[in-house]
Amino acid sequence: MRRDGRRGVLMSVLKTGSASTLDIIRSTSQRLPRIRDALPAGFNVDLVGTSRCSCRAAISGVARER
């Protein structure tokens, strides 16, 4: 993939079973600093996109319907 004109790698994180999407997003975000620290010089890891907003909107919508 290319981002900002530079070559890169896209890694998707998928949930399984009863795992909470919001917990997975939170956990992944919390682990990024440790992952960045372990990378060789010149490498970078960025969180490009999450389904956090759509999940929260869906949860909010269900809560309002009750």
PDB file of N, CA and C in Angstrom:
ATOM      1  N   MET A   1       0.834  -1.163   0.000  1.00  0.00           N
ATOM      2  CA  MET A   1       0.000   0.000   0.000  1.00  0.00           C
ATOM      3  C   MET A   1       0.880   1.227   0.000  1.00  0.00           C
ATOM      4  N   ARG A   2       0.318   2.357  -0.376  1.00  0.00           N
ATOM      5  CA  ARG A   2       1.032   3.629  -0.333  1.00  0.00           C
ATOM      6  C   ARG A   2       0.260   4.592   0.560  1.00  0.00           C
ATOM      7  N   ARG A   3       0.997   5.320   1.383  1.00  0.00           N
ATOM      8  CA  ARG A   3       0.395   6.327   2.245  1.00  0.00           C
ATOM      9  C   ARG A   3       1.278   7.556   2.194  1.00  0.00           C
ATOM     10  N   ASP A   4       0.684   8.679   1.885  1.00  0.00           N
ATOM     11  CA  ASP A   4       1.443   9.916   1.731  1.00  0.00           C
ATOM     12  C   ASP A   4       2.580   9.737   0.733  1.00  0.00           C
ATOM     13  N   GLY A   5       2.332   8.940  -0.297  1.00  0.00           N
ATOM     14  CA  GLY A   5       3.316   8.726  -1.352  1.00  0.00           C
ATOM     15  C   GLY A   5       4.442   7.769  -0.990  1.00  0.00           C
ATOM     16  N   ARG A   6       4.374   7.167   0.172  1.00  0.00           N
ATOM     17  CA  ARG A   6       5.432   6.255   0.599  1.00  0.00           C
ATOM     18  C   ARG A   6       4.909   4.828   0.674  1.00  0.00           C
ATOM     19  N   ARG A   7       5.788   3.887   0.337  1.00  0.00           N
ATOM     20  CA  ARG A   7       5.418   2.476   0.417  1.00  0.00           C
ATOM     21  C   ARG A   7       5.241   2.050   1.863  1.00  0.00           C
ATOM     22  N   GLY A   8       4.304   1.147   2.078  1.00  0.00           N
ATOM     23  CA  GLY A   8       4.066   0.667   3.430  1.00  0.00           C
ATOM     24  C   GLY A   8       3.362  -0.668   3.422  1.00  0.00           C
ATOM     25  N   VAL A   9       3.010  -1.106   4.589  1.00  0.00           N
ATOM     26  CA  VAL A   9       2.311  -2.378   4.777  1.00  0.00           C
ATOM     27  C   VAL A   9       1.051  -2.099   5.570  1.00  0.00           C
ATOM     28  N   LEU A  10      -0.043  -2.693   5.152  1.00  0.00           N
ATOM     29  CA  LEU A  10      -1.306  -2.559   5.865  1.00  0.00           C
ATOM     30  C   LEU A  10      -1.568  -3.855   6.621  1.00  0.00           C
ATOM     31  N   MET A  11      -1.819  -3.738   7.912  1.00  0.00           N
ATOM     32  CA  MET A  11      -2.138  -4.905   8.725  1.00  0.00           C
ATOM     33  C   MET A  11      -3.518  -4.679   9.335  1.00  0.00           C
ATOM     34  N   SER A  12      -4.419  -5.583   9.071  1.00  0.00           N
ATOM     35  CA  SER A  12      -5.770  -5.490   9.627  1.00  0.00           C
ATOM     36  C   SER A  12      -5.855  -6.336  10.889  1.00  0.00           C
ATOM     37  N   VAL A  13      -6.566  -5.827  11.881  1.00  0.00           N
ATOM     38  CA  VAL A  13      -6.813  -6.572  13.115  1.00  0.00           C
ATOM     39  C   VAL A  13      -8.298  -6.897  13.122  1.00  0.00           C
ATOM     40  N   LEU A  14      -8.617  -8.177  13.159  1.00  0.00           N
ATOM     41  CA  LEU A  14     -10.008  -8.619  13.116  1.00  0.00           C
ATOM     42  C   LEU A  14     -10.376  -9.276  14.436  1.00  0.00           C
ATOM     43  N   LYS A  15     -11.592  -9.046  14.861  1.00  0.00           N
ATOM     44  CA  LYS A  15     -12.059  -9.663  16.101  1.00  0.00           C
ATOM     45  C   LYS A  15     -12.684 -11.017  15.808  1.00  0.00           C
ATOM     46  N   THR A  16     -12.713 -11.851  16.821  1.00  0.00           N
ATOM     47  CA  THR A  16     -13.365 -13.152  16.692  1.00  0.00           C
ATOM     48  C   THR A  16     -14.287 -13.364  17.888  1.00  0.00           C
ATOM     49  N   GLY A  17     -15.262 -14.181  17.689  1.00  0.00           N
ATOM     50  CA  GLY A  17     -16.149 -14.573  18.776  1.00  0.00           C
ATOM     51  C   GLY A  17     -16.796 -13.403  19.484  1.00  0.00           C
ATOM     52  N   SER A  18     -16.751 -13.462  20.794  1.00  0.00           N
ATOM     53  CA  SER A  18     -17.448 -12.462  21.597  1.00  0.00           C
ATOM     54  C   SER A  18     -16.536 -11.309  22.014  1.00  0.00           C
ATOM     55  N   ALA A  19     -15.401 -11.180  21.385  1.00  0.00           N
ATOM     56  CA  ALA A  19     -14.475 -10.093  21.725  1.00  0.00           C
ATOM     57  C   ALA A  19     -15.147  -8.748  21.482  1.00  0.00           C
ATOM     58  N   SER A  20     -14.878  -7.801  22.352  1.00  0.00           N
ATOM     59  CA  SER A  20     -15.432  -6.456  22.226  1.00  0.00           C
ATOM     60  C   SER A  20     -14.596  -5.649  21.248  1.00  0.00           C
ATOM     61  N   THR A  21     -15.237  -5.101  20.225  1.00  0.00           N
ATOM     62  CA  THR A  21     -14.537  -4.277  19.242  1.00  0.00           C
ATOM     63  C   THR A  21     -13.849  -3.103  19.916  1.00  0.00           C
ATOM     64  N   LEU A  22     -14.548  -2.437  20.821  1.00  0.00           N
ATOM     65  CA  LEU A  22     -13.959  -1.283  21.494  1.00  0.00           C
ATOM     66  C   LEU A  22     -12.775  -1.684  22.366  1.00  0.00           C
ATOM     67  N   ASP A  23     -12.832  -2.847  23.003  1.00  0.00           N
ATOM     68  CA  ASP A  23     -11.699  -3.327  23.800  1.00  0.00           C
ATOM     69  C   ASP A  23     -10.489  -3.628  22.917  1.00  0.00           C
ATOM     70  N   ILE A  24     -10.731  -4.200  21.751  1.00  0.00           N
ATOM     71  CA  ILE A  24      -9.638  -4.511  20.831  1.00  0.00           C
ATOM     72  C   ILE A  24      -8.986  -3.221  20.337  1.00  0.00           C
ATOM     73  N   ILE A  25      -9.776  -2.232  19.987  1.00  0.00           N
ATOM     74  CA  ILE A  25      -9.234  -0.946  19.535  1.00  0.00           C
ATOM     75  C   ILE A  25      -8.419  -0.301  20.657  1.00  0.00           C
ATOM     76  N   ARG A  26      -8.950  -0.303  21.858  1.00  0.00           N
ATOM     77  CA  ARG A  26      -8.258   0.286  23.012  1.00  0.00           C
ATOM     78  C   ARG A  26      -6.941  -0.438  23.280  1.00  0.00           C
ATOM     79  N   SER A  27      -6.984  -1.753  23.288  1.00  0.00           N
ATOM     80  CA  SER A  27      -5.788  -2.554  23.566  1.00  0.00           C
ATOM     81  C   SER A  27      -4.719  -2.345  22.489  1.00  0.00           C
ATOM     82  N   THR A  28      -5.132  -2.336  21.243  1.00  0.00           N
ATOM     83  CA  THR A  28      -4.192  -2.118  20.145  1.00  0.00           C
ATOM     84  C   THR A  28      -3.551  -0.745  20.256  1.00  0.00           C
ATOM     85  N   SER A  29      -4.348   0.274  20.544  1.00  0.00           N
ATOM     86  CA  SER A  29      -3.826   1.635  20.688  1.00  0.00           C
ATOM     87  C   SER A  29      -2.841   1.728  21.846  1.00  0.00           C
ATOM     88  N   GLN A  30      -3.115   1.028  22.938  1.00  0.00           N
ATOM     89  CA  GLN A  30      -2.230   1.055  24.106  1.00  0.00           C
ATOM     90  C   GLN A  30      -0.902   0.350  23.836  1.00  0.00           C
ATOM     91  N   ARG A  31      -0.912  -0.632  22.949  1.00  0.00           N
ATOM     92  CA  ARG A  31       0.308  -1.392  22.655  1.00  0.00           C
ATOM     93  C   ARG A  31       1.207  -0.703  21.631  1.00  0.00           C
ATOM     94  N   LEU A  32       0.680   0.247  20.886  1.00  0.00           N
ATOM     95  CA  LEU A  32       1.469   0.884  19.832  1.00  0.00           C
ATOM     96  C   LEU A  32       2.775   1.503  20.315  1.00  0.00           C
ATOM     97  N   PRO A  33       2.819   2.210  21.437  1.00  0.00           N
ATOM     98  CA  PRO A  33       4.107   2.773  21.870  1.00  0.00           C
ATOM     99  C   PRO A  33       5.188   1.703  22.077  1.00  0.00           C
ATOM    100  N   ARG A  34       4.822   0.585  22.663  1.00  0.00           N
ATOM    101  CA  ARG A  34       5.790  -0.497  22.882  1.00  0.00           C
ATOM    102  C   ARG A  34       6.255  -1.093  21.557  1.00  0.00           C
ATOM    103  N   ILE A  35       5.326  -1.221  20.610  1.00  0.00           N
ATOM    104  CA  ILE A  35       5.676  -1.747  19.287  1.00  0.00           C
ATOM    105  C   ILE A  35       6.619  -0.777  18.582  1.00  0.00           C
ATOM    106  N   ARG A  36       6.303   0.521  18.643  1.00  0.00           N
ATOM    107  CA  ARG A  36       7.166   1.534  18.014  1.00  0.00           C
ATOM    108  C   ARG A  36       8.582   1.489  18.590  1.00  0.00           C
ATOM    109  N   ASP A  37       8.686   1.339  19.908  1.00  0.00           N
ATOM    110  CA  ASP A  37       9.995   1.299  20.564  1.00  0.00           C
ATOM    111  C   ASP A  37      10.838   0.114  20.102  1.00  0.00           C
ATOM    112  N   ALA A  38      10.191  -0.969  19.698  1.00  0.00           N
ATOM    113  CA  ALA A  38      10.907  -2.179  19.293  1.00  0.00           C
ATOM    114  C   ALA A  38      11.323  -2.154  17.823  1.00  0.00           C
ATOM    115  N   LEU A  39      10.836  -1.195  17.061  1.00  0.00           N
ATOM    116  CA  LEU A  39      11.142  -1.143  15.631  1.00  0.00           C
ATOM    117  C   LEU A  39      12.535  -0.582  15.367  1.00  0.00           C
ATOM    118  N   PRO A  40      13.155  -1.030  14.272  1.00  0.00           N
ATOM    119  CA  PRO A  40      14.443  -0.448  13.885  1.00  0.00           C
ATOM    120  C   PRO A  40      14.273   1.027  13.498  1.00  0.00           C
ATOM    121  N   ALA A  41      15.345   1.774  13.551  1.00  0.00           N
ATOM    122  CA  ALA A  41      15.317   3.191  13.164  1.00  0.00           C
ATOM    123  C   ALA A  41      14.773   3.333  11.738  1.00  0.00           C
ATOM    124  N   GLY A  42      13.934   4.330  11.541  1.00  0.00           N
ATOM    125  CA  GLY A  42      13.369   4.583  10.218  1.00  0.00           C
ATOM    126  C   GLY A  42      12.029   3.918   9.976  1.00  0.00           C
ATOM    127  N   PHE A  43      11.644   3.006  10.849  1.00  0.00           N
ATOM    128  CA  PHE A  43      10.349   2.353  10.718  1.00  0.00           C
ATOM    129  C   PHE A  43       9.329   3.102  11.570  1.00  0.00           C
ATOM    130  N   ASN A  44       8.083   3.078  11.132  1.00  0.00           N
ATOM    131  CA  ASN A  44       7.032   3.757  11.870  1.00  0.00           C
ATOM    132  C   ASN A  44       5.750   2.935  11.802  1.00  0.00           C
ATOM    133  N   VAL A  45       4.951   3.035  12.832  1.00  0.00           N
ATOM    134  CA  VAL A  45       3.648   2.375  12.883  1.00  0.00           C
ATOM    135  C   VAL A  45       2.609   3.440  13.174  1.00  0.00           C
ATOM    136  N   ASP A  46       1.570   3.486  12.352  1.00  0.00           N
ATOM    137  CA  ASP A  46       0.481   4.433  12.539  1.00  0.00           C
ATOM    138  C   ASP A  46      -0.838   3.698  12.560  1.00  0.00           C
ATOM    139  N   LEU A  47      -1.733   4.147  13.398  1.00  0.00           N
ATOM    140  CA  LEU A  47      -3.094   3.642  13.404  1.00  0.00           C
ATOM    141  C   LEU A  47      -3.845   4.446  12.349  1.00  0.00           C
ATOM    142  N   VAL A  48      -4.182   3.805  11.241  1.00  0.00           N
ATOM    143  CA  VAL A  48      -4.763   4.512  10.104  1.00  0.00           C
ATOM    144  C   VAL A  48      -6.257   4.706  10.261  1.00  0.00           C
ATOM    145  N   GLY A  49      -6.956   3.707  10.723  1.00  0.00           N
ATOM    146  CA  GLY A  49      -8.398   3.836  10.875  1.00  0.00           C
ATOM    147  C   GLY A  49      -8.951   2.754  11.768  1.00  0.00           C
ATOM    148  N   THR A  50     -10.044   3.077  12.431  1.00  0.00           N
ATOM    149  CA  THR A  50     -10.708   2.102  13.290  1.00  0.00           C
ATOM    150  C   THR A  50     -12.214   2.204  13.061  1.00  0.00           C
ATOM    151  N   SER A  51     -12.920   1.256  13.600  1.00  0.00           N
ATOM    152  CA  SER A  51     -14.381   1.303  13.543  1.00  0.00           C
ATOM    153  C   SER A  51     -14.937   1.861  14.843  1.00  0.00           C
ATOM    154  N   ARG A  52     -14.101   2.553  15.605  1.00  0.00           N
ATOM    155  CA  ARG A  52     -14.499   3.085  16.914  1.00  0.00           C
ATOM    156  C   ARG A  52     -15.733   3.981  16.816  1.00  0.00           C
ATOM    157  N   CYS A  53     -15.737   4.911  15.868  1.00  0.00           N
ATOM    158  CA  CYS A  53     -16.859   5.858  15.757  1.00  0.00           C
ATOM    159  C   CYS A  53     -18.149   5.143  15.392  1.00  0.00           C
ATOM    160  N   SER A  54     -18.070   4.241  14.411  1.00  0.00           N
ATOM    161  CA  SER A  54     -19.297   3.553  13.995  1.00  0.00           C
ATOM    162  C   SER A  54     -19.808   2.637  15.103  1.00  0.00           C
ATOM    163  N   CYS A  55     -18.895   2.040  15.880  1.00  0.00           N
ATOM    164  CA  CYS A  55     -19.319   1.187  17.007  1.00  0.00           C
ATOM    165  C   CYS A  55     -20.019   2.012  18.071  1.00  0.00           C
ATOM    166  N   ARG A  56     -19.423   3.130  18.427  1.00  0.00           N
ATOM    167  CA  ARG A  56     -20.026   3.976  19.461  1.00  0.00           C
ATOM    168  C   ARG A  56     -21.376   4.513  19.002  1.00  0.00           C
ATOM    169  N   ALA A  57     -21.488   4.874  17.723  1.00  0.00           N
ATOM    170  CA  ALA A  57     -22.758   5.371  17.207  1.00  0.00           C
ATOM    171  C   ALA A  57     -23.822   4.274  17.264  1.00  0.00           C
ATOM    172  N   ALA A  58     -23.428   3.048  16.916  1.00  0.00           N
ATOM    173  CA  ALA A  58     -24.382   1.938  16.956  1.00  0.00           C
ATOM    174  C   ALA A  58     -24.829   1.655  18.385  1.00  0.00           C
ATOM    175  N   ILE A  59     -23.890   1.665  19.315  1.00  0.00           N
ATOM    176  CA  ILE A  59     -24.226   1.428  20.723  1.00  0.00           C
ATOM    177  C   ILE A  59     -25.145   2.528  21.237  1.00  0.00           C
ATOM    178  N   SER A  60     -24.832   3.764  20.884  1.00  0.00           N
ATOM    179  CA  SER A  60     -25.654   4.897  21.303  1.00  0.00           C
ATOM    180  C   SER A  60     -27.069   4.785  20.736  1.00  0.00           C
ATOM    181  N   GLY A  61     -27.176   4.357  19.469  1.00  0.00           N
ATOM    182  CA  GLY A  61     -28.483   4.202  18.844  1.00  0.00           C
ATOM    183  C   GLY A  61     -29.324   3.152  19.530  1.00  0.00           C
ATOM    184  N   VAL A  62     -28.705   2.048  19.897  1.00  0.00           N
ATOM    185  CA  VAL A  62     -29.429   0.977  20.589  1.00  0.00           C
ATOM    186  C   VAL A  62     -29.865   1.453  21.957  1.00  0.00           C
ATOM    187  N   ALA A  63     -29.008   2.182  22.654  1.00  0.00           N
ATOM    188  CA  ALA A  63     -29.328   2.674  23.992  1.00  0.00           C
ATOM    189  C   ALA A  63     -30.524   3.647  23.928  1.00  0.00           C
ATOM    190  N   ARG A  64     -30.624   4.461  22.888  1.00  0.00           N
ATOM    191  CA  ARG A  64     -31.730   5.408  22.761  1.00  0.00           C
ATOM    192  C   ARG A  64     -33.043   4.704  22.449  1.00  0.00           C
ATOM    193  N   GLU A  65     -32.971   3.573  21.744  1.00  0.00           N
ATOM    194  CA  GLU A  65     -34.192   2.847  21.368  1.00  0.00           C
ATOM    195  C   GLU A  65     -34.839   2.162  22.547  1.00  0.00           C
ATOM    196  N   ARG A  66     -34.107   1.925  23.584  1.00  0.00           N
ATOM    197  CA  ARG A  66     -34.658   1.185  24.733  1.00  0.00           C
ATOM    198  C   ARG A  66     -35.496   2.050  25.590  1.00  0.00           C
TER     199      ARG A  66
END
